[in-house]
């Protein structure tokens, strides 16, 4: 959805303080005017924000006090998780171009096959679209998007960003066009550092050296899989890295032999319930990892939840040894991407650090990179990740926008957000 700019530009107020005025004329979908008090209250209920700053109201302005220096704090406020929401007794209102057709029930929405949004009568009125219908097309057991392709072919779906270029090329659907965007996500194998079986760094490095990212990419992408092998944690939208990850199973066996009897014989692997932007075919990727780790004597039990609720509940509770997941860029800032996955506080508050890793040296390296995003400081982060192996970058997601040719002004941001309000039919 298009999101209106709610605040005037930030004004520095000191070393760790900024303030901003609320723009006039912004209203929520129930007609309530946007106020500094609503902005501050909404942000105070957002864990991703509260681990980095506090929000108060002084002199009719929103004041932000940072917990530590962040020269790109304005980018952090653009994250979707920092969206300003008005809660009226459990009924959530926004300021964008669209609103729910009926009062939403979160439980019903998560299982709905269709969701309808209608024009927000209190928005700025620039959208030419009256209604948006979301249609759920579940993937097949093997990860193939047959239902979605059929919906595109029949005209039931006009736009999607859940397909790959290879799937579009194989389908040859008339009347649609596809555009490739720079990849903005990375699929990752997370190792749960709270599990005793993974406490020894030798074991974790052995697992990392066993994984063949080329085979993983081939399981996820039929066409040109080498182009999607993750050479680093950062996705292509933040700059391609050179080199290919090393696979050395003989060295992996030597590392396991040095693990003082801590070698695990069996581990669980949590797998997404459905294709994700960073993991187009979760189950084939899981089977590839299962085969690879069997070569160093580690059996893998694959756990595939039935719903998104089950998957994220298991992730947040740490009920796994290994987990296939990933991260989609919230902002164009590499520091935000690194911190979401590697920062100690991210495990506690935002549940993005699925390795559940707390490492003072990494926290210090992240702070240096936040202050000075140099190549040297980036390499230090990568060095610690290689030595400690809390996670293994696997593949990059492919950002493809597929839409009917009757649509105009179809644009995606650098982080993959689609502005439906700007589309014309």
Protein backbone atom coordinates (compact mmCIF):
# COMPACT_ATOMS: atom_id res chain seq x y z
CA UNK A 1 0.00 0.00 0.00
CA UNK A 2 1.12 3.58 -0.38
CA UNK A 3 2.03 5.04 2.96
CA UNK A 4 1.70 8.80 3.42
CA UNK A 5 4.60 10.71 4.91
CA UNK A 6 3.34 11.33 8.44
CA UNK A 7 6.15 13.44 9.89
CA UNK A 8 8.06 16.47 8.79
CA UNK A 9 11.86 15.94 8.44
CA UNK A 10 13.69 15.11 11.66
CA UNK A 11 15.36 17.99 13.48
CA UNK A 12 18.52 17.22 15.51
CA UNK A 13 18.10 18.24 19.16
CA UNK A 14 21.34 16.87 20.60
CA UNK A 15 23.73 13.95 20.39
CA UNK A 16 21.02 11.31 20.84
CA UNK A 17 17.83 13.32 20.31
CA UNK A 18 15.66 14.29 17.37
CA UNK A 19 12.23 15.84 17.09
CA UNK A 20 9.63 16.02 14.33
CA UNK A 21 6.33 17.74 13.74
CA UNK A 22 3.30 15.77 12.62
CA UNK A 23 2.05 16.79 9.16
CA UNK A 24 -1.33 18.45 9.13
CA UNK A 25 -4.39 16.96 7.49
CA UNK A 26 -3.53 13.27 8.03
CA UNK A 27 -6.49 11.19 9.23
CA UNK A 28 -7.00 7.54 10.12
CA UNK A 29 -9.62 5.42 8.37
CA UNK A 30 -12.19 6.23 11.10
CA UNK A 31 -11.63 9.99 10.65
CA UNK A 32 -9.44 10.50 13.72
CA UNK A 33 -6.75 13.16 13.11
CA UNK A 34 -3.14 12.05 13.49
CA UNK A 35 -1.53 13.63 16.58
CA UNK A 36 1.95 13.53 18.15
CA UNK A 37 0.46 11.57 21.07
CA UNK A 38 -0.84 8.81 18.75
CA UNK A 39 2.53 8.60 16.98
CA UNK A 40 4.43 8.28 20.26
CA UNK A 41 2.00 5.70 21.70
CA UNK A 42 2.10 3.54 18.57
CA UNK A 43 5.91 3.52 18.48
CA UNK A 44 6.16 2.73 22.20
CA UNK A 45 4.26 -0.50 21.47
CA UNK A 46 6.71 -1.55 18.73
CA UNK A 47 9.61 -3.74 19.99
CA UNK A 48 11.79 -3.02 16.95
CA UNK A 49 11.58 0.67 17.85
CA UNK A 50 11.84 0.43 21.64
CA UNK A 51 15.18 -1.42 21.58
CA UNK A 52 16.64 1.58 19.75
CA UNK A 53 14.78 4.66 20.99
CA UNK A 54 12.00 6.14 23.10
CA UNK A 55 9.23 8.45 21.88
CA UNK A 56 7.65 11.26 23.90
CA UNK A 57 5.71 14.45 23.15
CA UNK A 58 7.09 17.89 23.99
CA UNK A 59 5.92 21.24 22.68
CA UNK A 60 3.54 19.64 20.19
CA UNK A 61 6.36 17.64 18.56
CA UNK A 62 7.40 13.98 18.75
CA UNK A 63 10.77 13.67 20.50
CA UNK A 64 12.99 10.65 19.86
CA UNK A 65 15.74 9.73 22.34
CA UNK A 66 18.10 7.07 20.97
CA UNK A 67 19.70 4.38 23.11
CA UNK A 68 22.91 4.72 21.08
CA UNK A 69 24.10 6.78 18.09
CA UNK A 70 22.41 6.01 14.78
CA UNK A 71 23.26 8.40 11.93
CA UNK A 72 20.52 6.81 9.77
CA UNK A 73 17.72 6.80 12.35
CA UNK A 74 15.32 8.28 9.79
CA UNK A 75 15.62 5.08 7.70
CA UNK A 76 14.72 2.98 10.72
CA UNK A 77 11.44 4.87 11.05
CA UNK A 78 10.49 3.82 7.50
CA UNK A 79 10.32 0.12 8.45
CA UNK A 80 6.89 -1.44 8.06
CA UNK A 81 7.05 -2.55 11.69
CA UNK A 82 7.19 1.14 12.69
CA UNK A 83 3.90 1.92 10.91
CA UNK A 84 1.63 4.19 12.96
CA UNK A 85 -1.56 2.39 13.98
CA UNK A 86 -4.62 3.62 15.88
CA UNK A 87 -6.08 0.91 18.13
CA UNK A 88 -9.76 1.39 18.91
CA UNK A 89 -10.70 -1.54 21.11
CA UNK A 90 -8.85 -4.04 18.98
CA UNK A 91 -9.98 -2.44 15.71
CA UNK A 92 -6.81 -1.23 14.02
CA UNK A 93 -6.94 1.87 11.79
CA UNK A 94 -4.26 3.16 9.41
CA UNK A 95 -3.70 6.32 7.39
CA UNK A 96 -3.03 4.76 3.98
CA UNK A 97 -5.10 4.63 0.84
CA UNK A 98 -7.02 1.48 1.79
CA UNK A 99 -8.85 -0.01 4.75
CA UNK A 100 -10.47 -3.36 5.54
CA UNK A 101 -13.93 -3.75 4.05
CA UNK A 102 -15.19 -5.06 7.38
CA UNK A 103 -13.83 -4.93 10.90
CA UNK A 104 -10.94 -7.41 10.79
CA UNK A 105 -10.48 -10.38 13.08
CA UNK A 106 -6.81 -11.39 13.14
CA UNK A 107 -7.54 -15.10 13.61
CA UNK A 108 -10.01 -15.14 10.71
CA UNK A 109 -7.67 -13.12 8.47
CA UNK A 110 -4.82 -15.59 8.93
CA UNK A 111 -6.95 -18.42 7.58
CA UNK A 112 -8.98 -16.49 4.99
CA UNK A 113 -8.85 -17.43 1.32
CA UNK A 114 -9.86 -13.91 0.23
CA UNK A 115 -9.40 -10.48 1.84
CA UNK A 116 -10.88 -7.25 0.52
CA UNK A 117 -9.61 -3.72 1.09
CA UNK A 118 -11.62 -0.66 0.06
CA UNK A 119 -10.67 2.97 -0.45
CA UNK A 120 -10.01 4.87 2.78
CA UNK A 121 -12.44 7.83 2.60
CA UNK A 122 -10.08 9.92 4.73
CA UNK A 123 -6.94 9.39 2.64
CA UNK A 124 -5.58 12.05 0.31
CA UNK A 125 -7.67 10.69 -2.57
CA UNK A 126 -4.86 10.19 -5.06
CA UNK A 127 -5.53 6.50 -5.66
CA UNK A 128 -7.54 5.47 -8.73
CA UNK A 129 -8.24 1.99 -7.35
CA UNK A 130 -11.51 1.51 -5.45
CA UNK A 131 -10.94 -2.01 -4.11
CA UNK A 132 -8.10 -4.47 -3.69
CA UNK A 133 -8.88 -8.19 -3.41
CA UNK A 134 -6.18 -10.46 -2.01
CA UNK A 135 -6.48 -14.08 -3.17
CA UNK A 136 -4.62 -16.86 -1.34
CA UNK A 137 -3.15 -19.52 -3.66
CA UNK A 138 -1.40 -22.19 -1.55
CA UNK A 139 1.67 -23.90 -3.00
CA UNK A 140 1.67 -27.58 -3.94
CA UNK A 141 3.41 -30.08 -1.67
CA UNK A 142 6.57 -29.84 -3.78
CA UNK A 143 6.56 -26.04 -3.58
CA UNK A 144 5.26 -25.44 -7.10
CA UNK A 145 2.83 -22.48 -7.48
CA UNK A 146 0.30 -24.18 -9.79
CA UNK A 147 -2.76 -22.50 -8.24
CA UNK A 148 -1.19 -19.05 -8.50
CA UNK A 149 -0.20 -19.60 -12.13
CA UNK A 150 -3.73 -20.80 -12.93
CA UNK A 151 -5.17 -17.70 -11.20
CA UNK A 152 -2.94 -15.44 -13.31
CA UNK A 153 -3.92 -17.29 -16.48
CA UNK A 154 -7.65 -16.98 -15.73
CA UNK A 155 -7.44 -13.31 -14.71
CA UNK A 156 -8.42 -14.01 -11.12
CA UNK A 157 -5.10 -12.44 -10.06
CA UNK A 158 -3.71 -9.26 -11.62
CA UNK A 159 -0.45 -8.83 -9.71
CA UNK A 160 1.90 -10.90 -7.55
CA UNK A 161 5.48 -10.90 -6.32
CA UNK A 162 5.47 -14.59 -5.32
CA UNK A 163 6.83 -16.13 -8.54
CA UNK A 164 10.28 -16.62 -10.04
CA UNK A 165 11.37 -15.78 -13.56
CA UNK A 166 11.87 -19.50 -14.29
CA UNK A 167 8.28 -20.26 -13.30
CA UNK A 168 7.01 -17.47 -15.54
CA UNK A 169 9.15 -18.59 -18.48
CA UNK A 170 7.92 -22.18 -18.15
CA UNK A 171 4.27 -21.13 -17.94
CA UNK A 172 4.08 -18.75 -20.94
CA UNK A 173 0.99 -16.91 -19.65
CA UNK A 174 -0.38 -14.43 -22.22
CA UNK A 175 -1.35 -10.90 -21.19
CA UNK A 176 1.09 -10.58 -18.27
CA UNK A 177 4.52 -9.06 -17.89
CA UNK A 178 7.29 -9.70 -15.38
CA UNK A 179 10.02 -7.38 -14.14
CA UNK A 180 13.08 -8.45 -12.19
CA UNK A 181 14.15 -6.31 -9.22
CA UNK A 182 17.46 -6.51 -7.29
CA UNK A 183 17.16 -9.29 -4.70
CA UNK A 184 16.27 -7.89 -1.29
CA UNK A 185 16.30 -11.04 0.85
CA UNK A 186 18.57 -13.87 1.96
CA UNK A 187 17.58 -17.43 2.81
CA UNK A 188 19.49 -18.67 5.85
CA UNK A 189 20.12 -21.82 7.87
CA UNK A 190 19.99 -20.77 11.54
CA UNK A 191 21.76 -22.80 14.23
CA UNK A 192 20.10 -22.52 17.65
CA UNK A 193 22.95 -21.46 19.96
CA UNK A 194 20.88 -22.29 23.05
CA UNK A 195 20.96 -26.00 22.23
CA UNK A 196 23.71 -27.96 24.00
CA UNK A 197 24.30 -30.03 20.87
CA UNK A 198 25.37 -26.85 19.05
CA UNK A 199 27.29 -25.16 21.85
CA UNK A 200 30.71 -26.14 20.47
CA UNK A 201 31.96 -23.85 17.69
CA UNK A 202 33.70 -26.84 16.06
CA UNK A 203 30.31 -28.50 15.56
CA UNK A 204 28.78 -25.35 14.09
CA UNK A 205 31.73 -24.77 11.73
CA UNK A 206 31.53 -28.42 10.66
CA UNK A 207 27.87 -27.97 9.72
CA UNK A 208 28.69 -24.78 7.81
CA UNK A 209 31.50 -26.49 5.88
CA UNK A 210 29.24 -29.43 5.01
CA UNK A 211 26.51 -27.34 3.39
CA UNK A 212 26.83 -27.15 -0.40
CA UNK A 213 25.09 -23.89 -1.30
CA UNK A 214 25.23 -24.77 -5.00
CA UNK A 215 23.10 -27.85 -4.41
CA UNK A 216 20.77 -25.84 -2.18
CA UNK A 217 20.35 -23.20 -4.90
CA UNK A 218 19.64 -25.93 -7.47
CA UNK A 219 16.89 -27.28 -5.21
CA UNK A 220 15.31 -23.81 -4.99
CA UNK A 221 15.78 -22.52 -8.54
CA UNK A 222 15.50 -24.46 -11.80
CA UNK A 223 17.15 -21.83 -13.99
CA UNK A 224 20.66 -20.45 -13.40
CA UNK A 225 20.83 -21.49 -9.70
CA UNK A 226 24.46 -20.35 -9.35
CA UNK A 227 23.26 -16.74 -9.63
CA UNK A 228 21.40 -17.16 -6.34
CA UNK A 229 24.16 -18.69 -4.20
CA UNK A 230 24.62 -16.42 -1.18
CA UNK A 231 28.23 -15.30 -1.03
CA UNK A 232 27.44 -13.24 2.05
CA UNK A 233 24.62 -12.41 4.43
CA UNK A 234 23.69 -9.15 2.69
CA UNK A 235 21.31 -9.48 -0.31
CA UNK A 236 22.22 -8.18 -3.80
CA UNK A 237 20.29 -4.92 -3.32
CA UNK A 238 23.05 -4.00 -0.83
CA UNK A 239 25.91 -5.03 -3.10
CA UNK A 240 27.12 -8.34 -4.48
CA UNK A 241 29.98 -10.08 -2.71
CA UNK A 242 32.73 -11.88 -4.58
CA UNK A 243 33.62 -15.51 -4.04
CA UNK A 244 31.68 -18.72 -3.47
CA UNK A 245 31.13 -20.31 -0.03
CA UNK A 246 33.54 -23.16 0.69
CA UNK A 247 32.42 -26.77 1.13
CA UNK A 248 34.93 -29.12 2.78
CA UNK A 249 33.41 -32.24 4.33
CA UNK A 250 36.77 -33.79 5.20
CA UNK A 251 37.62 -30.72 7.27
CA UNK A 252 34.10 -30.88 8.73
CA UNK A 253 34.77 -34.43 9.95
CA UNK A 254 38.07 -33.33 11.51
CA UNK A 255 36.29 -30.50 13.33
CA UNK A 256 33.69 -32.92 14.67
CA UNK A 257 36.49 -35.18 15.91
CA UNK A 258 37.86 -32.23 17.90
CA UNK A 259 34.47 -31.46 19.45
CA UNK A 260 35.25 -33.39 22.66
CA UNK A 261 32.47 -35.92 22.20
CA UNK A 262 29.90 -33.19 21.56
CA UNK A 263 29.09 -34.31 18.01
CA UNK A 264 25.29 -34.52 17.64
CA UNK A 265 23.95 -37.66 16.01
CA UNK A 266 20.50 -36.20 15.28
CA UNK A 267 19.14 -32.68 14.90
CA UNK A 268 15.74 -31.19 14.12
CA UNK A 269 15.24 -28.83 11.17
CA UNK A 270 12.29 -26.42 11.23
CA UNK A 271 11.02 -25.62 7.71
CA UNK A 272 8.65 -22.82 6.57
CA UNK A 273 5.04 -23.83 6.06
CA UNK A 274 4.98 -22.37 2.52
CA UNK A 275 7.28 -20.68 -0.01
CA UNK A 276 8.85 -17.45 1.20
CA UNK A 277 10.54 -14.70 -0.86
CA UNK A 278 13.94 -15.90 0.40
CA UNK A 279 13.03 -19.61 0.17
CA UNK A 280 10.89 -20.41 -2.91
CA UNK A 281 10.99 -24.19 -2.30
CA UNK A 282 11.51 -24.88 1.41
CA UNK A 283 11.00 -28.65 1.42
CA UNK A 284 13.40 -29.48 -1.45
CA UNK A 285 16.02 -27.27 0.24
CA UNK A 286 15.43 -29.09 3.54
CA UNK A 287 15.89 -32.46 1.84
CA UNK A 288 19.16 -31.27 0.27
CA UNK A 289 20.48 -30.20 3.68
CA UNK A 290 19.30 -33.50 5.17
CA UNK A 291 21.29 -35.46 2.56
CA UNK A 292 24.40 -33.32 3.03
CA UNK A 293 24.55 -33.55 6.82
CA UNK A 294 24.03 -37.32 6.64
CA UNK A 295 27.46 -37.47 4.97
CA UNK A 296 29.11 -36.36 8.23
CA UNK A 297 26.96 -38.63 10.36
CA UNK A 298 24.25 -36.17 11.47
CA UNK A 299 20.66 -37.32 10.90
CA UNK A 300 18.05 -34.61 10.34
CA UNK A 301 14.41 -34.74 11.41
CA UNK A 302 12.41 -32.31 9.26
CA UNK A 303 9.63 -30.41 11.05
CA UNK A 304 7.15 -28.71 8.68
CA UNK A 305 4.38 -26.76 10.47
CA UNK A 306 0.98 -26.58 8.80
CA UNK A 307 0.44 -22.83 9.24
CA UNK A 308 2.36 -19.57 9.56
CA UNK A 309 1.24 -19.33 13.20
CA UNK A 310 2.83 -22.69 14.02
CA UNK A 311 6.04 -21.83 12.18
CA UNK A 312 6.60 -18.46 13.83
CA UNK A 313 5.55 -19.75 17.25
CA UNK A 314 8.19 -22.47 17.00
CA UNK A 315 10.77 -19.92 15.84
CA UNK A 316 9.98 -17.50 18.66
CA UNK A 317 10.09 -20.25 21.29
CA UNK A 318 13.34 -21.73 19.99
CA UNK A 319 11.80 -25.19 19.49
CA UNK A 320 14.37 -26.39 16.94
CA UNK A 321 18.04 -27.22 16.51
CA UNK A 322 18.25 -25.83 12.97
CA UNK A 323 15.78 -23.58 11.16
CA UNK A 324 15.31 -22.62 7.53
CA UNK A 325 14.24 -18.99 7.48
CA UNK A 326 15.62 -15.69 6.23
CA UNK A 327 15.28 -11.94 6.21
CA UNK A 328 13.80 -9.40 3.83
CA UNK A 329 15.36 -5.94 3.90
CA UNK A 330 13.28 -3.39 5.82
CA UNK A 331 15.46 -0.49 4.71
CA UNK A 332 18.34 -0.01 2.21
CA UNK A 333 20.77 0.22 5.16
CA UNK A 334 23.10 -2.83 5.55
CA UNK A 335 23.49 -2.01 9.26
CA UNK A 336 19.76 -2.64 9.79
CA UNK A 337 20.01 -5.98 7.97
CA UNK A 338 23.03 -7.11 10.02
CA UNK A 339 21.51 -6.02 13.33
CA UNK A 340 18.21 -7.77 12.70
CA UNK A 341 20.01 -11.11 12.39
CA UNK A 342 23.08 -10.79 14.62
CA UNK A 343 22.44 -8.26 17.38
CA UNK A 344 21.90 -9.65 20.90
CA UNK A 345 18.87 -7.41 21.48
CA UNK A 346 17.17 -8.65 18.32
CA UNK A 347 16.75 -12.10 19.84
CA UNK A 348 14.98 -10.69 22.90
CA UNK A 349 12.71 -8.07 21.35
CA UNK A 350 12.16 -8.50 17.62
CA UNK A 351 12.64 -12.29 17.24
CA UNK A 352 14.77 -11.88 14.10
CA UNK A 353 17.96 -13.31 15.60
CA UNK A 354 16.79 -16.90 15.12
CA UNK A 355 20.21 -18.24 16.13
CA UNK A 356 19.38 -16.81 19.58
CA UNK A 357 22.95 -15.56 19.64
CA UNK A 358 24.35 -13.14 22.22
CA UNK A 359 27.96 -12.25 21.45
CA UNK A 360 29.65 -9.10 22.88
CA UNK A 361 32.32 -8.99 20.15
CA UNK A 362 29.65 -9.10 17.45
CA UNK A 363 27.62 -6.40 19.22
CA UNK A 364 30.72 -4.19 19.28
CA UNK A 365 31.42 -4.90 15.58
CA UNK A 366 27.84 -3.99 14.69
CA UNK A 367 28.13 -0.71 16.61
CA UNK A 368 31.31 0.17 14.71
CA UNK A 369 29.66 -0.62 11.38
CA UNK A 370 26.60 1.42 12.33
CA UNK A 371 28.85 4.42 13.04
CA UNK A 372 31.24 3.84 10.10
CA UNK A 373 29.88 1.50 7.38
CA UNK A 374 33.29 0.80 5.84
CA UNK A 375 34.37 -2.32 3.98
CA UNK A 376 36.84 -3.08 6.78
CA UNK A 377 34.11 -3.03 9.42
CA UNK A 378 31.87 -5.14 7.17
CA UNK A 379 34.65 -7.73 6.77
CA UNK A 380 35.02 -7.92 10.55
CA UNK A 381 31.35 -8.85 10.90
CA UNK A 382 31.77 -11.54 8.24
CA UNK A 383 34.90 -12.87 9.95
CA UNK A 384 33.11 -13.35 13.28
CA UNK A 385 30.19 -15.05 11.53
CA UNK A 386 32.58 -17.51 9.83
CA UNK A 387 34.44 -18.30 13.06
CA UNK A 388 31.38 -18.67 15.28
CA UNK A 389 28.99 -20.02 12.60
CA UNK A 390 25.69 -19.08 14.26
CA UNK A 391 24.08 -19.21 10.81
CA UNK A 392 24.82 -20.13 7.21
CA UNK A 393 23.70 -17.83 4.35
CA UNK A 394 22.27 -20.13 1.66
CA UNK A 395 20.55 -18.36 -1.23
CA UNK A 396 19.31 -14.96 -2.31
CA UNK A 397 15.64 -14.41 -2.95
CA UNK A 398 14.53 -13.37 -6.41
CA UNK A 399 12.40 -10.21 -6.43
CA UNK A 400 10.00 -10.50 -9.37
CA UNK A 401 6.86 -8.45 -9.92
CA UNK A 402 4.35 -10.11 -12.29
CA UNK A 403 1.31 -8.12 -13.39
CA UNK A 404 -1.39 -7.89 -16.01
CA UNK A 405 -0.55 -5.69 -18.97
CA UNK A 406 -3.71 -3.67 -18.34
CA UNK A 407 -2.03 -2.24 -15.23
CA UNK A 408 0.09 0.93 -15.32
CA UNK A 409 2.41 2.62 -12.81
CA UNK A 410 3.43 -0.67 -11.20
CA UNK A 411 6.45 0.19 -9.05
CA UNK A 412 8.40 -1.58 -6.34
CA UNK A 413 10.66 0.14 -3.83
CA UNK A 414 14.29 -0.86 -3.23
CA UNK A 415 13.05 -3.08 -0.41
CA UNK A 416 10.38 -4.76 -2.55
CA UNK A 417 7.29 -2.87 -1.33
CA UNK A 418 4.53 -2.52 -3.96
CA UNK A 419 2.53 0.70 -4.08
CA UNK A 420 -0.97 -0.45 -5.01
CA UNK A 421 -2.40 3.05 -4.52
CA UNK A 422 -0.42 4.38 -7.51
CA UNK A 423 -1.59 1.70 -9.94
CA UNK A 424 -3.91 2.63 -12.80
CA UNK A 425 -6.01 0.13 -14.73
